Protein backbone atom coordinates (compact mmCIF):
# COMPACT_ATOMS: atom_id res chain seq x y z
CA MET A 1 16.53 -89.32 -1.63
CA SER A 2 13.78 -86.75 -2.08
CA TYR A 3 10.92 -89.00 -0.96
CA ARG A 4 10.39 -91.52 1.82
CA PRO A 5 9.95 -95.14 0.71
CA TYR A 6 7.43 -96.10 3.40
CA GLU A 7 6.91 -99.77 4.17
CA PRO A 8 3.37 -100.85 5.11
CA ILE A 9 2.75 -102.41 8.50
CA ASP A 10 -0.39 -104.46 9.13
CA PRO A 11 -2.67 -102.12 11.15
CA ARG A 12 -3.12 -104.83 13.77
CA ASP A 13 0.60 -104.52 14.39
CA ALA A 14 1.25 -100.89 13.44
CA PHE A 15 -0.28 -99.49 16.62
CA ALA A 16 2.03 -101.68 18.68
CA VAL A 17 4.95 -99.68 17.25
CA ALA A 18 5.56 -96.16 18.54
CA ALA A 19 4.68 -93.80 15.69
CA ALA A 20 7.31 -91.34 16.87
CA ASP A 21 10.02 -93.97 16.42
CA THR A 22 9.39 -95.06 12.81
CA GLU A 23 8.00 -93.17 9.84
CA SER A 24 6.45 -96.32 8.36
CA ALA A 25 4.52 -97.01 11.57
CA ALA A 26 3.20 -93.43 11.56
CA ALA A 27 2.13 -93.63 7.92
CA SER A 28 0.52 -97.04 8.47
CA GLN A 29 -1.41 -95.76 11.48
CA ALA A 30 -2.55 -92.70 9.51
CA ALA A 31 -3.68 -94.87 6.60
CA PHE A 32 -5.79 -97.06 8.88
CA LEU A 33 -7.34 -94.03 10.60
CA LEU A 34 -8.24 -92.46 7.26
CA ALA A 35 -9.66 -95.75 5.98
CA VAL A 36 -11.88 -95.88 9.07
CA ARG A 37 -12.94 -92.29 8.41
CA ALA A 38 -13.73 -93.22 4.80
CA GLY A 39 -15.92 -96.07 6.05
CA LEU A 40 -17.83 -93.70 8.33
CA LEU A 41 -18.48 -91.30 5.44
CA GLY A 42 -19.45 -94.04 3.01
CA TYR A 43 -16.52 -93.31 0.71
CA PRO A 44 -15.43 -96.06 -1.66
CA SER A 45 -13.20 -98.34 0.37
CA PRO A 46 -10.03 -99.87 -1.04
CA THR A 47 -11.70 -103.09 -2.16
CA GLU A 48 -8.61 -104.76 -3.53
CA LYS A 49 -6.85 -107.22 -1.27
CA LEU A 50 -3.51 -105.84 -0.16
CA SER A 51 -1.73 -108.65 1.64
CA GLU A 52 0.73 -106.20 3.21
CA PHE A 53 -2.07 -104.00 4.56
CA PRO A 54 -5.27 -105.98 5.09
CA LEU A 55 -8.27 -103.86 6.05
CA PRO A 56 -11.49 -105.00 7.77
CA ASN A 57 -14.88 -104.52 6.16
CA LEU A 58 -15.55 -100.89 7.06
CA LYS A 59 -18.86 -100.49 5.19
CA ALA A 60 -20.74 -101.29 8.39
CA LEU A 61 -19.30 -98.10 9.91
CA LYS A 62 -21.23 -95.75 7.62
CA SER A 63 -23.11 -93.32 9.82
CA ASP A 64 -24.18 -89.69 9.92
CA ARG A 65 -24.57 -89.57 13.68
CA HIS A 66 -22.06 -88.14 16.11
CA VAL A 67 -20.99 -89.16 19.59
CA LYS A 68 -19.98 -86.98 22.51
CA VAL A 69 -16.29 -86.44 23.14
CA ALA A 70 -16.85 -87.78 26.65
CA THR A 71 -18.25 -91.00 25.16
CA ALA A 72 -15.18 -91.44 22.97
CA CYS A 73 -12.88 -90.84 25.94
CA GLN A 74 -14.89 -93.23 28.07
CA TYR A 75 -14.21 -95.91 25.47
CA LEU A 76 -10.52 -95.25 26.15
CA GLY A 77 -11.12 -95.52 29.88
CA VAL A 78 -10.26 -91.88 30.64
CA SER A 79 -11.94 -88.49 30.93
CA GLU A 80 -11.24 -85.63 28.51
CA ARG A 81 -8.92 -84.02 31.05
CA GLU A 82 -7.13 -87.28 31.79
CA LEU A 83 -6.65 -87.94 28.08
CA ARG A 84 -4.56 -84.78 27.73
CA LYS A 85 -2.26 -86.00 30.50
CA GLU A 86 -2.15 -89.67 29.56
CA VAL A 87 1.35 -91.04 29.09
CA ARG A 88 2.31 -92.15 25.61
CA PRO A 89 2.76 -95.90 26.26
CA ALA A 90 -0.69 -96.19 27.82
CA LEU A 91 -2.36 -94.39 24.90
CA GLU A 92 -0.51 -96.51 22.35
CA GLN A 93 -1.61 -99.65 24.17
CA GLU A 94 -5.25 -98.53 24.06
CA MET A 95 -5.04 -97.61 20.38
CA ASN A 96 -3.55 -101.01 19.60
CA LYS A 97 -6.39 -102.74 21.45
CA ILE A 98 -9.14 -100.67 19.81
CA ALA A 99 -7.66 -101.05 16.32
CA ARG A 100 -7.92 -104.82 16.74
CA GLU A 101 -11.50 -104.44 17.99
CA VAL A 102 -12.38 -102.59 14.77
CA TYR A 103 -11.44 -105.73 12.86
CA ARG A 104 -13.81 -107.81 14.97
CA LYS A 105 -16.71 -105.35 15.23
CA PRO A 106 -16.37 -101.84 13.80
CA THR A 107 -18.45 -99.23 15.64
CA ILE A 108 -18.59 -95.45 15.61
CA GLU A 109 -17.67 -95.39 19.32
CA ALA A 110 -14.48 -97.38 18.67
CA ALA A 111 -13.64 -95.13 15.71
CA ALA A 112 -14.21 -91.99 17.77
CA ALA A 113 -11.97 -93.32 20.55
CA LEU A 114 -9.20 -94.07 18.05
CA PHE A 115 -9.39 -90.57 16.60
CA GLU A 116 -9.29 -88.91 20.03
CA ALA A 117 -6.23 -90.91 21.04
CA ALA A 118 -4.56 -90.30 17.67
CA MET A 119 -4.78 -86.53 18.12
CA MET A 120 -2.50 -86.96 21.13
CA SER A 121 0.16 -88.73 19.06
CA PRO A 122 3.58 -87.04 18.99
CA HIS A 123 3.74 -87.76 15.27
CA PRO A 124 1.93 -85.03 13.29
CA LEU A 125 0.88 -87.40 10.50
CA VAL A 126 -1.08 -89.54 12.98
CA ALA A 127 -2.43 -86.47 14.75
CA VAL A 128 -3.74 -84.98 11.46
CA ALA A 129 -5.46 -88.25 10.51
CA GLY A 130 -6.99 -88.36 14.00
CA ALA A 131 -8.21 -84.77 13.74
CA ALA A 132 -9.76 -85.39 10.32
CA GLY A 133 -11.60 -88.38 11.73
CA ALA A 134 -12.62 -86.68 14.96
CA ARG A 135 -14.37 -83.96 12.95
CA GLU A 136 -16.66 -86.67 11.54
CA THR A 137 -17.38 -88.49 14.82
CA THR A 138 -17.67 -85.69 17.38
CA ARG A 139 -17.68 -81.99 16.51
CA LEU A 140 -15.36 -79.25 15.31
CA ARG A 141 -13.65 -77.82 18.36
CA PRO A 142 -10.40 -76.04 19.33
CA ARG A 143 -8.30 -79.21 19.62
CA ILE A 144 -9.13 -80.22 16.05
CA ARG A 145 -8.49 -76.70 14.78
CA LYS A 146 -5.14 -76.40 16.56
CA THR A 147 -3.98 -79.80 15.37
CA LEU A 148 -4.74 -79.07 11.73
CA GLU A 149 -3.49 -75.49 11.76
CA ALA A 150 -0.15 -76.53 13.29
CA ALA A 151 0.23 -79.35 10.79
CA ALA A 152 -0.55 -77.07 7.84
CA ARG A 153 2.55 -75.02 8.78
CA SER A 154 4.77 -78.11 8.84
CA ARG A 155 7.84 -78.26 6.63
CA ASP A 156 6.99 -81.90 6.02
CA ASN A 157 5.21 -81.83 2.67
CA LEU A 158 2.98 -84.85 3.34
CA VAL A 159 1.91 -83.57 6.76
CA SER A 160 1.08 -80.09 5.45
CA ARG A 161 -0.76 -81.38 2.35
CA LEU A 162 -2.80 -83.79 4.42
CA ALA A 163 -3.74 -81.02 6.86
CA LEU A 164 -4.74 -78.67 4.03
CA ALA A 165 -6.82 -81.42 2.46
CA ALA A 166 -8.56 -82.01 5.79
CA MET A 167 -9.32 -78.31 6.24
CA SER A 168 -10.75 -78.07 2.72
CA HIS A 169 -13.37 -80.62 3.82
CA ILE A 170 -14.32 -78.61 6.91
CA GLY A 171 -16.51 -75.63 6.00
CA PRO A 172 -15.46 -73.28 8.80
CA MET A 173 -11.76 -73.99 8.14
CA GLU A 174 -11.59 -73.98 4.36
CA SER A 175 -10.69 -70.28 4.33
CA ILE A 176 -7.34 -71.18 5.93
CA ALA A 177 -6.56 -73.65 3.16
CA ASP A 178 -7.75 -71.15 0.57
CA LYS A 179 -4.79 -68.90 1.42
CA LYS A 180 -2.77 -71.30 -0.75
CA VAL A 181 -5.06 -70.60 -3.72
CA ILE A 182 -4.01 -68.01 -6.32
CA GLN A 183 -6.06 -65.84 -8.63
CA GLN A 184 -6.63 -67.46 -11.98
CA PRO A 185 -3.74 -66.56 -14.31
CA LYS A 186 -4.40 -65.04 -17.72
CA SER A 187 -3.55 -66.88 -20.91
CA ARG A 188 -1.44 -64.92 -23.38
CA LYS A 189 -0.82 -65.82 -26.99
CA ARG A 190 2.68 -66.76 -28.17
CA ARG A 191 4.08 -67.23 -31.65
CA ARG A 192 5.14 -70.83 -31.32
CA ARG A 193 3.97 -74.14 -32.75
CA SER A 194 4.87 -77.42 -31.08
CA ASP A 195 3.55 -80.52 -29.33
CA THR A 196 5.91 -80.50 -26.40
CA ALA A 197 5.25 -81.93 -22.93
CA VAL A 198 3.56 -79.77 -20.29
CA VAL A 199 3.68 -80.16 -16.50
CA THR A 200 1.11 -78.96 -13.95
CA HIS A 201 0.53 -79.02 -10.21
CA GLY A 202 -2.25 -80.11 -7.86
CA THR A 203 -4.51 -78.47 -5.28
CA PHE A 204 -2.98 -75.68 -3.15
CA ALA A 205 0.32 -76.07 -5.04
CA ALA A 206 0.35 -73.33 -7.68
CA ASN A 207 3.38 -71.70 -6.05
CA ALA A 208 5.40 -74.90 -5.78
CA ARG A 209 8.67 -75.05 -7.72
CA TRP A 210 8.89 -78.71 -8.77
CA TYR A 211 6.65 -78.44 -11.86
CA ARG A 212 8.04 -75.20 -13.30
CA PRO A 213 11.17 -74.55 -15.39
CA GLY A 214 14.09 -74.90 -12.99
CA GLY A 215 12.08 -77.14 -10.65
CA ASP A 216 13.38 -80.62 -9.82
CA PHE A 217 10.73 -82.70 -11.63
CA TYR A 218 10.70 -80.38 -14.64
CA ALA A 219 14.49 -80.56 -14.89
CA ALA A 220 14.57 -84.34 -14.44
CA LEU A 221 11.88 -84.89 -17.09
CA ASN A 222 13.79 -82.65 -19.47
CA ALA A 223 17.03 -84.54 -18.85
CA LYS A 224 15.65 -88.09 -18.77
CA ARG A 225 13.27 -87.70 -21.71
CA PRO A 226 14.72 -85.05 -24.04
CA ASP A 227 12.59 -86.52 -26.82
CA LEU A 228 9.50 -84.99 -25.13
CA HIS A 229 10.94 -81.46 -25.49
CA VAL A 230 9.40 -80.14 -22.27
CA HIS A 231 7.55 -76.90 -22.91
CA ASP A 232 9.30 -73.77 -21.65
CA ARG A 233 6.23 -72.80 -19.66
CA SER A 234 4.26 -74.98 -17.26
CA PHE A 235 0.51 -74.73 -16.81
CA LYS A 236 -0.46 -72.84 -13.66
CA TRP A 237 -4.04 -72.84 -12.39
CA THR A 238 -5.68 -71.60 -9.20
CA GLY A 239 -5.11 -74.74 -7.13
CA ALA A 240 -8.57 -74.28 -5.61
CA TYR A 241 -10.50 -77.16 -4.09
CA SER A 242 -13.95 -76.95 -5.64
CA ASP A 243 -15.80 -78.30 -8.65
CA LYS A 244 -16.58 -74.76 -9.80
CA ALA A 245 -12.92 -73.72 -9.70
CA ARG A 246 -11.76 -76.84 -11.56
CA ARG A 247 -14.30 -76.24 -14.32
CA ALA A 248 -13.07 -72.66 -14.67
CA ASP A 249 -9.46 -73.84 -14.73
CA ALA A 250 -10.37 -76.41 -17.40
CA GLU A 251 -11.66 -73.52 -19.53
CA LEU A 252 -8.36 -71.74 -18.91
CA LEU A 253 -6.44 -74.84 -20.05
CA LYS A 254 -8.57 -75.04 -23.19
CA GLN A 255 -7.51 -71.49 -24.04
CA TRP A 256 -3.92 -71.82 -22.82
CA ILE A 257 -2.97 -74.80 -25.01
CA PRO A 258 -3.58 -73.10 -28.39
CA ASP A 259 -2.29 -69.79 -27.02
CA GLN A 260 1.01 -71.59 -26.34
CA GLY A 261 1.07 -72.89 -29.90
CA LEU A 262 0.26 -76.45 -28.80
CA THR A 263 -2.28 -78.86 -30.26
CA ALA A 264 -2.22 -82.29 -28.54
CA PRO A 265 0.60 -82.10 -25.98
CA ASP A 266 1.85 -84.71 -23.56
CA PHE A 267 0.50 -83.59 -20.19
CA PHE A 268 1.94 -84.47 -16.77
CA ALA A 269 -0.53 -83.62 -13.99
CA HIS A 270 -0.28 -84.14 -10.25
CA SER A 271 -3.35 -84.84 -8.11
CA HIS A 272 -6.38 -82.70 -9.05
CA GLY A 273 -4.36 -81.15 -11.83
CA GLY A 274 -5.48 -84.36 -13.51
CA THR A 275 -9.10 -83.43 -12.82
CA VAL A 276 -8.57 -80.10 -14.58
CA ALA A 277 -7.09 -81.97 -17.55
CA HIS A 278 -10.00 -84.44 -17.62
CA LEU A 279 -12.57 -81.66 -17.58
CA ALA A 280 -10.66 -79.97 -20.39
CA THR A 281 -11.03 -83.08 -22.59
CA ARG A 282 -14.80 -82.73 -22.23
CA ARG A 283 -14.35 -79.29 -23.77
CA GLY A 284 -12.49 -80.66 -26.77
CA VAL A 285 -8.88 -80.57 -25.57
CA GLN A 286 -6.78 -83.48 -26.86
CA PHE A 287 -3.71 -85.07 -25.29
CA ASP A 288 -1.16 -87.50 -26.65
CA ARG A 289 0.16 -88.88 -23.37
CA LEU A 290 -1.84 -87.91 -20.27
CA VAL A 291 0.32 -88.84 -17.28
CA LEU A 292 -1.59 -88.73 -13.99
CA MET A 293 0.48 -88.60 -10.81
CA GLY A 294 -1.52 -89.44 -7.68
CA TRP A 295 -4.93 -88.59 -9.16
CA PRO A 296 -7.89 -89.07 -6.70
CA VAL A 297 -10.09 -91.37 -8.78
CA HIS A 298 -13.67 -90.08 -9.05
CA LYS A 299 -15.83 -91.50 -11.81
CA LYS A 300 -17.69 -88.21 -12.20
CA TRP A 301 -14.38 -86.63 -13.28
CA TYR A 302 -13.29 -89.28 -15.76
CA PRO A 303 -11.96 -87.78 -19.01
CA ASP A 304 -13.44 -88.03 -22.43
CA PHE A 305 -11.31 -91.05 -23.30
CA SER A 306 -11.70 -90.38 -27.05
CA LYS A 307 -9.56 -87.26 -26.59
CA VAL A 308 -6.62 -89.14 -24.99
CA LYS A 309 -4.20 -91.33 -26.94
CA ARG A 310 -2.43 -92.83 -23.88
CA LEU A 311 -3.50 -92.59 -20.25
CA ILE A 312 -0.68 -93.42 -17.83
CA ASP A 313 -1.60 -93.67 -14.15
CA VAL A 314 1.31 -93.32 -11.71
CA ARG A 315 0.46 -93.69 -8.03
CA VAL A 316 1.36 -95.09 -4.62
CA ARG A 317 -0.81 -97.62 -2.83
CA LEU A 318 -3.16 -96.24 -0.18
CA ASP A 319 -2.29 -92.62 -0.94
CA LEU A 320 -3.16 -90.77 2.29
CA VAL A 321 -4.40 -87.59 0.59
CA VAL A 322 -6.57 -89.61 -1.81
CA LEU A 323 -7.98 -91.53 1.17
CA LEU A 324 -8.92 -88.25 2.83
CA ASP A 325 -10.27 -86.81 -0.42
CA GLY A 326 -12.69 -89.72 -0.76
CA GLY A 327 -11.33 -90.87 -4.09
CA ALA A 328 -10.75 -94.44 -5.17
CA GLN A 329 -7.19 -95.69 -5.41
CA ARG A 330 -7.33 -96.93 -9.00
CA PHE A 331 -9.35 -96.66 -12.20
CA ARG A 332 -12.30 -98.97 -12.72
CA THR A 333 -13.18 -98.74 -16.39
CA ARG A 334 -13.51 -100.99 -19.41
CA ASP A 335 -13.75 -98.01 -21.73
CA PHE A 336 -10.02 -97.44 -22.02
CA ALA A 337 -6.75 -99.30 -21.49
CA VAL A 338 -5.28 -97.36 -18.56
CA GLU A 339 -1.57 -98.05 -18.11
CA GLU A 340 -1.08 -98.55 -14.36
CA HIS A 341 2.19 -98.07 -12.50
CA ARG A 342 1.67 -98.48 -8.76
CA ASN A 343 4.78 -98.39 -6.64
CA GLY A 344 5.40 -97.50 -3.01
CA TRP A 345 2.95 -96.52 -0.31
CA PHE A 346 1.11 -93.64 1.30
CA ASP A 347 3.06 -90.54 0.14
CA HIS A 348 0.94 -88.33 -2.15
CA SER A 349 3.87 -86.18 -3.25
CA ALA A 350 6.21 -89.06 -4.08
CA THR A 351 4.75 -89.37 -7.58
CA HIS A 352 6.35 -86.09 -8.68
CA GLU A 353 9.72 -86.76 -7.05
CA PRO A 354 12.59 -87.56 -9.48
CA ASP A 355 14.07 -90.16 -7.08
CA TYR A 356 10.75 -92.01 -7.06
CA TRP A 357 10.75 -92.11 -10.86
CA ASP A 358 14.39 -93.27 -10.82
CA ASP A 359 13.77 -96.03 -8.26
CA HIS A 360 10.79 -97.46 -10.11
CA GLY A 361 12.06 -97.09 -13.67
CA LEU A 362 9.24 -94.82 -14.76
CA TRP A 363 11.11 -92.61 -17.22
CA GLY A 364 11.20 -95.43 -19.75
CA VAL A 365 7.54 -96.49 -19.54
CA ILE A 366 5.85 -93.20 -20.39
């Protein structure tokens, strides 16, 4: 199986399970930490009721003030030096206690303490979520940098993507994430006319293989849905994390589609590749099927719905990268009948994994 079918664990119980011993516990802890961070920043919280993963009201956490690292550690009952030497069971016990306190009375001090303890977790997914939160409650410092930089080099796709997303939100560190960005490709005209399906990537993923001819998702789409006649070239854009870059890449897409001999193609886009597609519709580009895979929902980047025949939204619940990005987890619009397919939990990359599509019967619904 090319993706991990995480199972959600109620956050009030997840911190009682050692994150190093179960992937679902680690992902559940990370999701709670990122939800707390979202509350602090005033991001839209997941307002729907998820019985498997109930969240407290985190709106009261919104704050632009910071606390001292020593204050956060004091909440844990240790000094900064003692925290680095604290044994794992004791830290996990404190995190479990504080997580439950957040349900009763969320405070920035409790959040800061959780983030500091999380950075000490042996599981990199929890540590990254803790570092992303600690940046918002204390200050950018070497421990946060080292945690994120180490995670960005991970072979675990979710860990590395989450770390890159976190660094793209931290001004002094965004240059590290930008090393994954490519120069904008040039569009070249071809003598071909068709309305075949096109696949594209998300942020920092231009050099990934899965979306290109020969890649696993491309090959699976071609085999499972031969009627879509997948285009022999995939759309590559810079993968940059900025509004300016996405607008420029939308202009590229507007030029690329007719240059490829296409008119209103089916378009499969992962993450902010969907944002590029949406911005392109505002420039007149039309799509037959627009299949979004793990798109971070931001109303300001909604498409021109009149340019889309079908909008198919494929996603996991409580996508960790979307939580960090500050996006909502689902569309909220009465302007268009969005076809929703929400299966699985947490893993941002799962939505472009062939096994995920197999397991949830998605090939036949697009």
